[in-house]
Amino acid sequence: MDTERLRILRELADRGTVAATAASLNLTPSAVSQQLKVLAREAGVALLEPDGRRVRLTDAGRALVLRAEDVLGALARAEAEMDSYRGSPRGTVRVAMFPSGAALLLPGVLDRLDGVELVAGDEDYPASEVSRLLADYDIVLTHRDERSPSAAAPRVAVRTLMREPIDLVLPRTHRFADDESVDIHDLAGERWISVRGGFPVDDILNSIATVTGMQPRVVQRINDFRVTEELVAHDHGIALMPTHASTHPDVRRVHLVGVRAARIYDLATRPGATRRPAVAAVVDAFVAEAARVG
């Protein structure tokens, strides 16, 4: 089987449609379809089946994607081994990062790299989107509630970097602003500023609802913690924020009692990606920087 056709099949698995696959590979949709038909003839079995106006992978197609990952991974490892004979790690590594994680780790990671160009992308998506992001990036930095499973899967390798507590953030005039901790049962009736669903802060609010039997009243959903702190500082609600993301001088951070409140930082790659020296160097830089700040 031709490796470039296997690469096209893997792209289709990552991107979901022939049109998106063609765009990512700078091909026409008809060229992608033709190459996939040739690959099916080479495999001797149907790899795609109709799904409305689109196509989807058959069981055989999904199985071949995993084998394609092995083949393409072996080629990448061979290239990486040749790189190792050329001296220090070199090349460009693309990294997807959520904004608050980038603010915390990226400056120190860049300080630690020599000869490797890191190109960061601002991608604020839940951990469930990791596999899709790996179609465009070598590494994805993601975060999740500490009770949630990692995004590890047959085609996704995950390394946990650090745990960051999530605090209750209050305006200085709040009745609990001078306390060291607040029990979640004492927050009934409060107005909450949260984030979109699927992120750690919202997961913790859902846990609060489960423990207390009361649904928190969310008045705003904003993913930019700077905006959230401004709203809290002006007494427009209270919020949950990661420890390192809270910097506003006019808010108070208070420990939350009654529910586990923290987020986990994970680094995701394709299996075997760290055999490429440049990718390994970036992963090592993240590990070292997370140990320093964590």
C-alpha atoms as a PDB file:
ATOM      1  CA  MET A   1       0.000   0.000   0.000  1.00  0.00           C
ATOM      2  CA  ASP A   2       1.173   3.483  -0.842  1.00  0.00           C
ATOM      3  CA  THR A   3       2.149   5.493   2.235  1.00  0.00           C
ATOM      4  CA  GLU A   4       0.732   8.746   0.866  1.00  0.00           C
ATOM      5  CA  ARG A   5      -2.660   7.085   0.448  1.00  0.00           C
ATOM      6  CA  LEU A   6      -2.418   5.842   4.018  1.00  0.00           C
ATOM      7  CA  ARG A   7      -1.699   9.426   5.046  1.00  0.00           C
ATOM      8  CA  ILE A   8      -4.847  10.591   3.223  1.00  0.00           C
ATOM      9  CA  LEU A   9      -6.896   7.938   5.022  1.00  0.00           C
ATOM     10  CA  ARG A  10      -5.526   9.078   8.386  1.00  0.00           C
ATOM     11  CA  GLU A  11      -6.356  12.689   7.544  1.00  0.00           C
ATOM     12  CA  LEU A  12      -9.930  11.662   6.714  1.00  0.00           C
ATOM     13  CA  ALA A  13     -10.197   9.912  10.072  1.00  0.00           C
ATOM     14  CA  ASP A  14      -8.960  13.077  11.810  1.00  0.00           C
ATOM     15  CA  ARG A  15     -11.003  15.631   9.872  1.00  0.00           C
ATOM     16  CA  GLY A  16     -14.227  13.772   9.157  1.00  0.00           C
ATOM     17  CA  THR A  17     -14.970  14.913   5.604  1.00  0.00           C
ATOM     18  CA  VAL A  18     -13.377  14.596   2.170  1.00  0.00           C
ATOM     19  CA  ALA A  19     -13.542  18.382   1.717  1.00  0.00           C
ATOM     20  CA  ALA A  20     -11.672  19.089   4.972  1.00  0.00           C
ATOM     21  CA  THR A  21      -9.128  16.384   4.138  1.00  0.00           C
ATOM     22  CA  ALA A  22      -8.534  17.890   0.700  1.00  0.00           C
ATOM     23  CA  ALA A  23      -8.091  21.372   2.156  1.00  0.00           C
ATOM     24  CA  SER A  24      -5.537  20.163   4.713  1.00  0.00           C
ATOM     25  CA  LEU A  25      -3.474  18.365   2.057  1.00  0.00           C
ATOM     26  CA  ASN A  26      -3.805  21.008  -0.690  1.00  0.00           C
ATOM     27  CA  LEU A  27      -5.622  18.538  -2.929  1.00  0.00           C
ATOM     28  CA  THR A  28      -8.987  18.640  -4.657  1.00  0.00           C
ATOM     29  CA  PRO A  29     -11.850  16.589  -3.151  1.00  0.00           C
ATOM     30  CA  SER A  30     -11.972  14.498  -6.324  1.00  0.00           C
ATOM     31  CA  ALA A  31      -8.262  13.693  -5.991  1.00  0.00           C
ATOM     32  CA  VAL A  32      -8.780  12.600  -2.380  1.00  0.00           C
ATOM     33  CA  SER A  33     -11.732  10.398  -3.352  1.00  0.00           C
ATOM     34  CA  GLN A  34      -9.738   8.843  -6.196  1.00  0.00           C
ATOM     35  CA  GLN A  35      -6.763   8.055  -3.943  1.00  0.00           C
ATOM     36  CA  LEU A  36      -9.048   6.475  -1.353  1.00  0.00           C
ATOM     37  CA  LYS A  37     -10.655   4.300  -4.040  1.00  0.00           C
ATOM     38  CA  VAL A  38      -7.205   3.117  -5.130  1.00  0.00           C
ATOM     39  CA  LEU A  39      -6.309   2.369  -1.490  1.00  0.00           C
ATOM     40  CA  ALA A  40      -9.495   0.309  -1.124  1.00  0.00           C
ATOM     41  CA  ARG A  41      -8.525  -1.728  -4.188  1.00  0.00           C
ATOM     42  CA  GLU A  42      -5.058  -2.241  -2.717  1.00  0.00           C
ATOM     43  CA  ALA A  43      -6.603  -3.366   0.571  1.00  0.00           C
ATOM     44  CA  GLY A  44      -9.155  -5.585  -1.174  1.00  0.00           C
ATOM     45  CA  VAL A  45     -11.978  -4.422   1.107  1.00  0.00           C
ATOM     46  CA  ALA A  46     -14.353  -1.458   1.385  1.00  0.00           C
ATOM     47  CA  LEU A  47     -12.850   1.289   3.544  1.00  0.00           C
ATOM     48  CA  LEU A  48     -15.697   3.831   3.268  1.00  0.00           C
ATOM     49  CA  GLU A  49     -19.482   3.711   3.265  1.00  0.00           C
ATOM     50  CA  PRO A  50     -22.165   6.343   2.595  1.00  0.00           C
ATOM     51  CA  ASP A  51     -23.367   8.432   5.528  1.00  0.00           C
ATOM     52  CA  GLY A  52     -26.022  10.776   4.168  1.00  0.00           C
ATOM     53  CA  ARG A  53     -24.235  13.172   1.815  1.00  0.00           C
ATOM     54  CA  ARG A  54     -20.870  12.258   3.334  1.00  0.00           C
ATOM     55  CA  VAL A  55     -18.843   9.101   3.838  1.00  0.00           C
ATOM     56  CA  ARG A  56     -17.612   7.394   6.967  1.00  0.00           C
ATOM     57  CA  LEU A  57     -15.035   4.735   7.710  1.00  0.00           C
ATOM     58  CA  THR A  58     -16.091   1.100   7.749  1.00  0.00           C
ATOM     59  CA  ASP A  59     -14.811  -1.215  10.481  1.00  0.00           C
ATOM     60  CA  ALA A  60     -12.052  -2.241   8.071  1.00  0.00           C
ATOM     61  CA  GLY A  61     -11.300   1.413   7.391  1.00  0.00           C
ATOM     62  CA  ARG A  62     -10.951   2.183  11.087  1.00  0.00           C
ATOM     63  CA  ALA A  63      -8.671  -0.833  11.518  1.00  0.00           C
ATOM     64  CA  LEU A  64      -6.502   0.313   8.615  1.00  0.00           C
ATOM     65  CA  VAL A  65      -6.213   3.805  10.145  1.00  0.00           C
ATOM     66  CA  LEU A  66      -4.560   2.244  13.196  1.00  0.00           C
ATOM     67  CA  ARG A  67      -2.155   0.326  10.960  1.00  0.00           C
ATOM     68  CA  ALA A  68      -1.537   3.505   8.954  1.00  0.00           C
ATOM     69  CA  GLU A  69      -0.587   5.193  12.217  1.00  0.00           C
ATOM     70  CA  ASP A  70       1.968   2.413  12.801  1.00  0.00           C
ATOM     71  CA  VAL A  71       3.429   2.762   9.293  1.00  0.00           C
ATOM     72  CA  LEU A  72       3.592   6.557   9.313  1.00  0.00           C
ATOM     73  CA  GLY A  73       4.934   6.476  12.857  1.00  0.00           C
ATOM     74  CA  ALA A  74       7.711   4.128  11.762  1.00  0.00           C
ATOM     75  CA  LEU A  75       8.645   6.526   8.966  1.00  0.00           C
ATOM     76  CA  ALA A  76       8.665   9.428  11.431  1.00  0.00           C
ATOM     77  CA  ARG A  77      10.897   7.426  13.772  1.00  0.00           C
ATOM     78  CA  ALA A  78      13.309   6.711  10.926  1.00  0.00           C
ATOM     79  CA  GLU A  79      13.472  10.429  10.116  1.00  0.00           C
ATOM     80  CA  ALA A  80      13.977  11.189  13.815  1.00  0.00           C
ATOM     81  CA  GLU A  81      16.830   8.709  14.036  1.00  0.00           C
ATOM     82  CA  MET A  82      18.520  10.370  11.085  1.00  0.00           C
ATOM     83  CA  ASP A  83      17.984  13.735  12.815  1.00  0.00           C
ATOM     84  CA  SER A  84      19.794  12.406  15.881  1.00  0.00           C
ATOM     85  CA  TYR A  85      22.912  11.834  13.782  1.00  0.00           C
ATOM     86  CA  ARG A  86      22.879  15.482  12.743  1.00  0.00           C
ATOM     87  CA  GLY A  87      23.466  16.791  16.270  1.00  0.00           C
ATOM     88  CA  SER A  88      21.163  18.873  18.481  1.00  0.00           C
ATOM     89  CA  PRO A  89      17.375  18.835  17.944  1.00  0.00           C
ATOM     90  CA  ARG A  90      16.303  21.128  15.123  1.00  0.00           C
ATOM     91  CA  GLY A  91      13.075  21.992  13.377  1.00  0.00           C
ATOM     92  CA  THR A  92       9.641  23.442  14.018  1.00  0.00           C
ATOM     93  CA  VAL A  93       7.153  22.027  16.522  1.00  0.00           C
ATOM     94  CA  ARG A  94       3.519  23.169  16.457  1.00  0.00           C
ATOM     95  CA  VAL A  95       1.833  23.370  19.863  1.00  0.00           C
ATOM     96  CA  ALA A  96      -1.848  24.049  20.610  1.00  0.00           C
ATOM     97  CA  MET A  97      -2.371  25.727  23.990  1.00  0.00           C
ATOM     98  CA  PHE A  98      -5.320  27.049  25.989  1.00  0.00           C
ATOM     99  CA  PRO A  99      -4.747  30.722  26.920  1.00  0.00           C
ATOM    100  CA  SER A 100      -4.274  30.556  30.701  1.00  0.00           C
ATOM    101  CA  GLY A 101      -1.961  27.554  30.336  1.00  0.00           C
ATOM    102  CA  ALA A 102       0.050  29.399  27.707  1.00  0.00           C
ATOM    103  CA  ALA A 103       0.368  32.447  29.967  1.00  0.00           C
ATOM    104  CA  LEU A 104       1.671  30.265  32.777  1.00  0.00           C
ATOM    105  CA  LEU A 105       4.051  27.946  30.907  1.00  0.00           C
ATOM    106  CA  LEU A 106       4.925  29.252  27.444  1.00  0.00           C
ATOM    107  CA  PRO A 107       7.471  31.974  28.383  1.00  0.00           C
ATOM    108  CA  GLY A 108       9.541  29.540  30.459  1.00  0.00           C
ATOM    109  CA  VAL A 109       9.252  26.790  27.833  1.00  0.00           C
ATOM    110  CA  LEU A 110      10.590  29.132  25.152  1.00  0.00           C
ATOM    111  CA  ASP A 111      13.473  30.102  27.463  1.00  0.00           C
ATOM    112  CA  ARG A 112      14.451  26.433  27.700  1.00  0.00           C
ATOM    113  CA  LEU A 113      14.575  25.716  23.945  1.00  0.00           C
ATOM    114  CA  ASP A 114      17.692  26.050  21.814  1.00  0.00           C
ATOM    115  CA  GLY A 115      17.568  25.274  18.109  1.00  0.00           C
ATOM    116  CA  VAL A 116      13.898  24.268  18.103  1.00  0.00           C
ATOM    117  CA  GLU A 117      11.275  26.713  16.852  1.00  0.00           C
ATOM    118  CA  LEU A 118       8.026  26.420  18.791  1.00  0.00           C
ATOM    119  CA  VAL A 119       4.968  27.776  16.966  1.00  0.00           C
ATOM    120  CA  ALA A 120       2.099  28.159  19.436  1.00  0.00           C
ATOM    121  CA  GLY A 121      -1.585  28.245  18.521  1.00  0.00           C
ATOM    122  CA  ASP A 122      -4.300  29.671  20.793  1.00  0.00           C
ATOM    123  CA  GLU A 123      -6.877  26.853  20.931  1.00  0.00           C
ATOM    124  CA  ASP A 124      -9.439  27.078  23.730  1.00  0.00           C
ATOM    125  CA  TYR A 125     -11.274  23.748  23.401  1.00  0.00           C
ATOM    126  CA  PRO A 126     -12.271  21.027  25.881  1.00  0.00           C
ATOM    127  CA  ALA A 127     -10.029  17.978  26.247  1.00  0.00           C
ATOM    128  CA  SER A 128     -12.516  16.003  24.134  1.00  0.00           C
ATOM    129  CA  GLU A 129     -11.209  17.914  21.082  1.00  0.00           C
ATOM    130  CA  VAL A 130      -7.592  16.735  21.472  1.00  0.00           C
ATOM    131  CA  SER A 131      -7.730  14.143  18.693  1.00  0.00           C
ATOM    132  CA  ARG A 132      -9.045  16.715  16.217  1.00  0.00           C
ATOM    133  CA  LEU A 133      -6.388  19.266  17.207  1.00  0.00           C
ATOM    134  CA  LEU A 134      -3.617  16.708  16.664  1.00  0.00           C
ATOM    135  CA  ALA A 135      -4.489  16.782  12.969  1.00  0.00           C
ATOM    136  CA  ASP A 136      -2.873  20.250  12.860  1.00  0.00           C
ATOM    137  CA  TYR A 137      -0.452  20.241  15.818  1.00  0.00           C
ATOM    138  CA  ASP A 138       2.432  18.079  17.029  1.00  0.00           C
ATOM    139  CA  ILE A 139       1.569  18.704  20.705  1.00  0.00           C
ATOM    140  CA  VAL A 140      -1.632  19.783  22.443  1.00  0.00           C
ATOM    141  CA  LEU A 141      -1.627  21.265  25.946  1.00  0.00           C
ATOM    142  CA  THR A 142      -5.043  20.656  27.466  1.00  0.00           C
ATOM    143  CA  HIS A 143      -6.720  20.808  30.863  1.00  0.00           C
ATOM    144  CA  ARG A 144      -9.436  18.801  32.589  1.00  0.00           C
ATOM    145  CA  ASP A 145     -11.189  18.444  35.913  1.00  0.00           C
ATOM    146  CA  GLU A 146      -9.110  16.158  38.136  1.00  0.00           C
ATOM    147  CA  ARG A 147     -11.950  13.630  38.355  1.00  0.00           C
ATOM    148  CA  SER A 148     -12.224  13.363  34.579  1.00  0.00           C
ATOM    149  CA  PRO A 149     -10.262  10.776  32.573  1.00  0.00           C
ATOM    150  CA  SER A 150      -7.436  11.881  30.319  1.00  0.00           C
ATOM    151  CA  ALA A 151      -7.836  12.068  26.552  1.00  0.00           C
ATOM    152  CA  ALA A 152      -5.575   9.021  26.057  1.00  0.00           C
ATOM    153  CA  ALA A 153      -6.754   6.761  23.211  1.00  0.00           C
ATOM    154  CA  PRO A 154      -5.224   4.319  20.713  1.00  0.00           C
ATOM    155  CA  ARG A 155      -4.103   7.281  18.566  1.00  0.00           C
ATOM    156  CA  VAL A 156      -3.462   9.771  21.390  1.00  0.00           C
ATOM    157  CA  ALA A 157      -0.619   9.567  23.928  1.00  0.00           C
ATOM    158  CA  VAL A 158      -1.005  11.708  27.058  1.00  0.00           C
ATOM    159  CA  ARG A 159       1.510  12.849  29.675  1.00  0.00           C
ATOM    160  CA  THR A 160       0.240  14.561  32.828  1.00  0.00           C
ATOM    161  CA  LEU A 161       2.209  17.709  33.700  1.00  0.00           C
ATOM    162  CA  MET A 162       0.762  19.194  36.877  1.00  0.00           C
ATOM    163  CA  ARG A 163      -2.230  19.811  39.149  1.00  0.00           C
ATOM    164  CA  GLU A 164      -3.440  23.366  39.713  1.00  0.00           C
ATOM    165  CA  PRO A 165      -5.954  24.150  42.505  1.00  0.00           C
ATOM    166  CA  ILE A 166      -9.082  26.104  41.602  1.00  0.00           C
ATOM    167  CA  ASP A 167     -10.146  28.738  44.131  1.00  0.00           C
ATOM    168  CA  LEU A 168     -13.295  30.652  44.894  1.00  0.00           C
ATOM    169  CA  VAL A 169     -12.815  34.277  43.752  1.00  0.00           C
ATOM    170  CA  LEU A 170     -14.779  37.002  45.546  1.00  0.00           C
ATOM    171  CA  PRO A 171     -15.034  40.794  45.469  1.00  0.00           C
ATOM    172  CA  ARG A 172     -13.350  42.452  48.453  1.00  0.00           C
ATOM    173  CA  THR A 173     -16.763  43.559  49.764  1.00  0.00           C
ATOM    174  CA  HIS A 174     -18.177  40.027  49.876  1.00  0.00           C
ATOM    175  CA  ARG A 175     -19.237  38.660  53.273  1.00  0.00           C
ATOM    176  CA  PHE A 176     -16.748  35.778  52.939  1.00  0.00           C
ATOM    177  CA  ALA A 177     -13.871  37.848  51.514  1.00  0.00           C
ATOM    178  CA  ASP A 178     -11.875  37.779  54.773  1.00  0.00           C
ATOM    179  CA  ASP A 179     -12.326  34.037  55.382  1.00  0.00           C
ATOM    180  CA  GLU A 180      -9.640  31.477  54.557  1.00  0.00           C
ATOM    181  CA  SER A 181     -12.186  28.965  53.287  1.00  0.00           C
ATOM    182  CA  VAL A 182     -15.890  28.729  52.417  1.00  0.00           C
ATOM    183  CA  ASP A 183     -18.130  25.673  52.427  1.00  0.00           C
ATOM    184  CA  ILE A 184     -20.050  25.129  49.196  1.00  0.00           C
ATOM    185  CA  HIS A 185     -23.333  24.822  51.152  1.00  0.00           C
ATOM    186  CA  ASP A 186     -22.972  28.464  52.228  1.00  0.00           C
ATOM    187  CA  LEU A 187     -23.050  29.743  48.631  1.00  0.00           C
ATOM    188  CA  ALA A 188     -26.727  29.138  47.861  1.00  0.00           C
ATOM    189  CA  GLY A 189     -28.289  32.026  45.976  1.00  0.00           C
ATOM    190  CA  GLU A 190     -24.979  33.477  44.743  1.00  0.00           C
ATOM    191  CA  ARG A 191     -24.600  34.743  41.186  1.00  0.00           C
ATOM    192  CA  TRP A 192     -21.859  32.805  39.390  1.00  0.00           C
ATOM    193  CA  ILE A 193     -19.636  33.781  36.491  1.00  0.00           C
ATOM    194  CA  SER A 194     -18.603  30.548  34.784  1.00  0.00           C
ATOM    195  CA  VAL A 195     -17.154  29.302  31.488  1.00  0.00           C
ATOM    196  CA  ARG A 196     -18.606  27.364  28.589  1.00  0.00           C
ATOM    197  CA  GLY A 197     -19.567  23.760  29.214  1.00  0.00           C
ATOM    198  CA  GLY A 198     -16.911  21.067  28.996  1.00  0.00           C
ATOM    199  CA  PHE A 199     -14.165  22.973  30.824  1.00  0.00           C
ATOM    200  CA  PRO A 200     -12.880  22.253  34.383  1.00  0.00           C
ATOM    201  CA  VAL A 201     -14.538  25.273  36.044  1.00  0.00           C
ATOM    202  CA  ASP A 202     -17.963  24.264  34.737  1.00  0.00           C
ATOM    203  CA  ASP A 203     -17.332  20.636  35.732  1.00  0.00           C
ATOM    204  CA  ILE A 204     -16.708  21.786  39.325  1.00  0.00           C
ATOM    205  CA  LEU A 205     -19.915  23.845  39.342  1.00  0.00           C
ATOM    206  CA  ASN A 206     -21.770  20.715  38.238  1.00  0.00           C
ATOM    207  CA  SER A 207     -20.166  18.853  41.142  1.00  0.00           C
ATOM    208  CA  ILE A 208     -21.336  21.591  43.518  1.00  0.00           C
ATOM    209  CA  ALA A 209     -24.876  21.122  42.210  1.00  0.00           C
ATOM    210  CA  THR A 210     -24.629  17.369  42.771  1.00  0.00           C
ATOM    211  CA  VAL A 211     -23.300  17.695  46.339  1.00  0.00           C
ATOM    212  CA  THR A 212     -25.629  20.484  47.490  1.00  0.00           C
ATOM    213  CA  GLY A 213     -28.718  19.563  45.493  1.00  0.00           C
ATOM    214  CA  MET A 214     -28.928  23.200  44.340  1.00  0.00           C
ATOM    215  CA  GLN A 215     -28.155  24.358  40.819  1.00  0.00           C
ATOM    216  CA  PRO A 216     -25.754  27.354  40.866  1.00  0.00           C
ATOM    217  CA  ARG A 217     -27.235  30.453  39.205  1.00  0.00           C
ATOM    218  CA  VAL A 218     -24.861  31.267  36.343  1.00  0.00           C
ATOM    219  CA  VAL A 219     -25.338  34.836  35.106  1.00  0.00           C
ATOM    220  CA  GLN A 220     -22.398  34.971  32.646  1.00  0.00           C
ATOM    221  CA  ARG A 221     -20.310  32.410  30.762  1.00  0.00           C
ATOM    222  CA  ILE A 222     -16.940  33.853  29.738  1.00  0.00           C
ATOM    223  CA  ASN A 223     -13.765  31.921  28.948  1.00  0.00           C
ATOM    224  CA  ASP A 224     -11.396  34.868  29.440  1.00  0.00           C
ATOM    225  CA  PHE A 225     -10.322  34.895  33.092  1.00  0.00           C
ATOM    226  CA  ARG A 226      -9.264  38.541  32.865  1.00  0.00           C
ATOM    227  CA  VAL A 227     -12.836  39.533  32.053  1.00  0.00           C
ATOM    228  CA  THR A 228     -14.123  37.251  34.801  1.00  0.00           C
ATOM    229  CA  GLU A 229     -11.907  38.932  37.408  1.00  0.00           C
ATOM    230  CA  GLU A 230     -13.032  42.397  36.313  1.00  0.00           C
ATOM    231  CA  LEU A 231     -16.664  41.375  36.738  1.00  0.00           C
ATOM    232  CA  VAL A 232     -15.973  39.865  40.158  1.00  0.00           C
ATOM    233  CA  ALA A 233     -14.018  42.946  41.240  1.00  0.00           C
ATOM    234  CA  HIS A 234     -17.032  45.094  40.332  1.00  0.00           C
ATOM    235  CA  ASP A 235     -19.365  42.821  42.334  1.00  0.00           C
ATOM    236  CA  HIS A 236     -21.233  41.329  39.380  1.00  0.00           C
ATOM    237  CA  GLY A 237     -20.897  37.783  40.715  1.00  0.00           C
ATOM    238  CA  ILE A 238     -18.464  35.263  42.157  1.00  0.00           C
ATOM    239  CA  ALA A 239     -16.362  32.750  40.243  1.00  0.00           C
ATOM    240  CA  LEU A 240     -14.057  29.763  40.316  1.00  0.00           C
ATOM    241  CA  MET A 241     -10.570  30.399  38.951  1.00  0.00           C
ATOM    242  CA  PRO A 242      -7.289  28.464  38.729  1.00  0.00           C
ATOM    243  CA  THR A 243      -4.777  29.657  41.320  1.00  0.00           C
ATOM    244  CA  HIS A 244      -2.191  30.923  38.838  1.00  0.00           C
ATOM    245  CA  ALA A 245      -4.770  32.677  36.633  1.00  0.00           C
ATOM    246  CA  SER A 246      -6.014  34.993  39.388  1.00  0.00           C
ATOM    247  CA  THR A 247      -4.003  38.231  39.494  1.00  0.00           C
ATOM    248  CA  HIS A 248      -6.473  41.081  39.983  1.00  0.00           C
ATOM    249  CA  PRO A 249      -5.667  43.244  43.058  1.00  0.00           C
ATOM    250  CA  ASP A 250      -9.342  43.850  43.909  1.00  0.00           C
ATOM    251  CA  VAL A 251     -10.464  40.238  44.307  1.00  0.00           C
ATOM    252  CA  ARG A 252      -9.869  37.711  47.067  1.00  0.00           C
ATOM    253  CA  ARG A 253      -9.013  34.050  46.552  1.00  0.00           C
ATOM    254  CA  VAL A 254     -10.632  31.724  49.102  1.00  0.00           C
ATOM    255  CA  HIS A 255     -10.275  27.956  49.495  1.00  0.00           C
ATOM    256  CA  LEU A 256     -13.428  26.042  48.566  1.00  0.00           C
ATOM    257  CA  VAL A 257     -14.521  23.310  51.007  1.00  0.00           C
ATOM    258  CA  GLY A 258     -16.899  20.459  50.231  1.00  0.00           C
ATOM    259  CA  VAL A 259     -15.817  19.518  46.710  1.00  0.00           C
ATOM    260  CA  ARG A 260     -12.540  18.654  44.991  1.00  0.00           C
ATOM    261  CA  ALA A 261     -11.532  21.732  42.994  1.00  0.00           C
ATOM    262  CA  ALA A 262      -8.494  21.491  40.728  1.00  0.00           C
ATOM    263  CA  ARG A 263      -7.551  21.079  37.113  1.00  0.00           C
ATOM    264  CA  ILE A 264      -4.982  18.767  35.538  1.00  0.00           C
ATOM    265  CA  TYR A 265      -2.615  19.876  32.772  1.00  0.00           C
ATOM    266  CA  ASP A 266      -1.994  17.198  30.129  1.00  0.00           C
ATOM    267  CA  LEU A 267       0.295  17.126  27.083  1.00  0.00           C
ATOM    268  CA  ALA A 268      -1.073  15.087  24.183  1.00  0.00           C
ATOM    269  CA  THR A 269       0.820  13.816  21.124  1.00  0.00           C
ATOM    270  CA  ARG A 270       0.460  11.066  18.585  1.00  0.00           C
ATOM    271  CA  PRO A 271       1.996   7.803  19.852  1.00  0.00           C
ATOM    272  CA  GLY A 272       5.693   7.760  19.065  1.00  0.00           C
ATOM    273  CA  ALA A 273       5.861  11.491  18.303  1.00  0.00           C
ATOM    274  CA  THR A 274       8.531  12.053  20.964  1.00  0.00           C
ATOM    275  CA  ARG A 275      10.943   9.889  19.003  1.00  0.00           C
ATOM    276  CA  ARG A 276      11.410  13.013  16.911  1.00  0.00           C
ATOM    277  CA  PRO A 277      14.130  14.907  18.827  1.00  0.00           C
ATOM    278  CA  ALA A 278      12.527  18.336  18.366  1.00  0.00           C
ATOM    279  CA  VAL A 279       9.183  17.151  19.761  1.00  0.00           C
ATOM    280  CA  ALA A 280      10.944  15.412  22.652  1.00  0.00           C
ATOM    281  CA  ALA A 281      12.833  18.626  23.443  1.00  0.00           C
ATOM    282  CA  VAL A 282       9.582  20.615  23.613  1.00  0.00           C
ATOM    283  CA  VAL A 283       7.893  17.992  25.799  1.00  0.00           C
ATOM    284  CA  ASP A 284      10.903  17.981  28.153  1.00  0.00           C
ATOM    285  CA  ALA A 285      10.755  21.788  28.344  1.00  0.00           C
ATOM    286  CA  PHE A 286       7.080  21.648  29.333  1.00  0.00           C
ATOM    287  CA  VAL A 287       7.780  19.016  31.983  1.00  0.00           C
ATOM    288  CA  ALA A 288      10.600  21.083  33.481  1.00  0.00           C
ATOM    289  CA  GLU A 289       8.603  24.322  33.457  1.00  0.00           C
ATOM    290  CA  ALA A 290       5.515  22.674  34.978  1.00  0.00           C
ATOM    291  CA  ALA A 291       7.712  21.283  37.782  1.00  0.00           C
ATOM    292  CA  ARG A 292       9.062  24.777  38.417  1.00  0.00           C
ATOM    293  CA  VAL A 293       5.675  26.523  38.675  1.00  0.00           C
ATOM    294  CA  GLY A 294       3.693  23.621  40.080  1.00  0.00           C
END
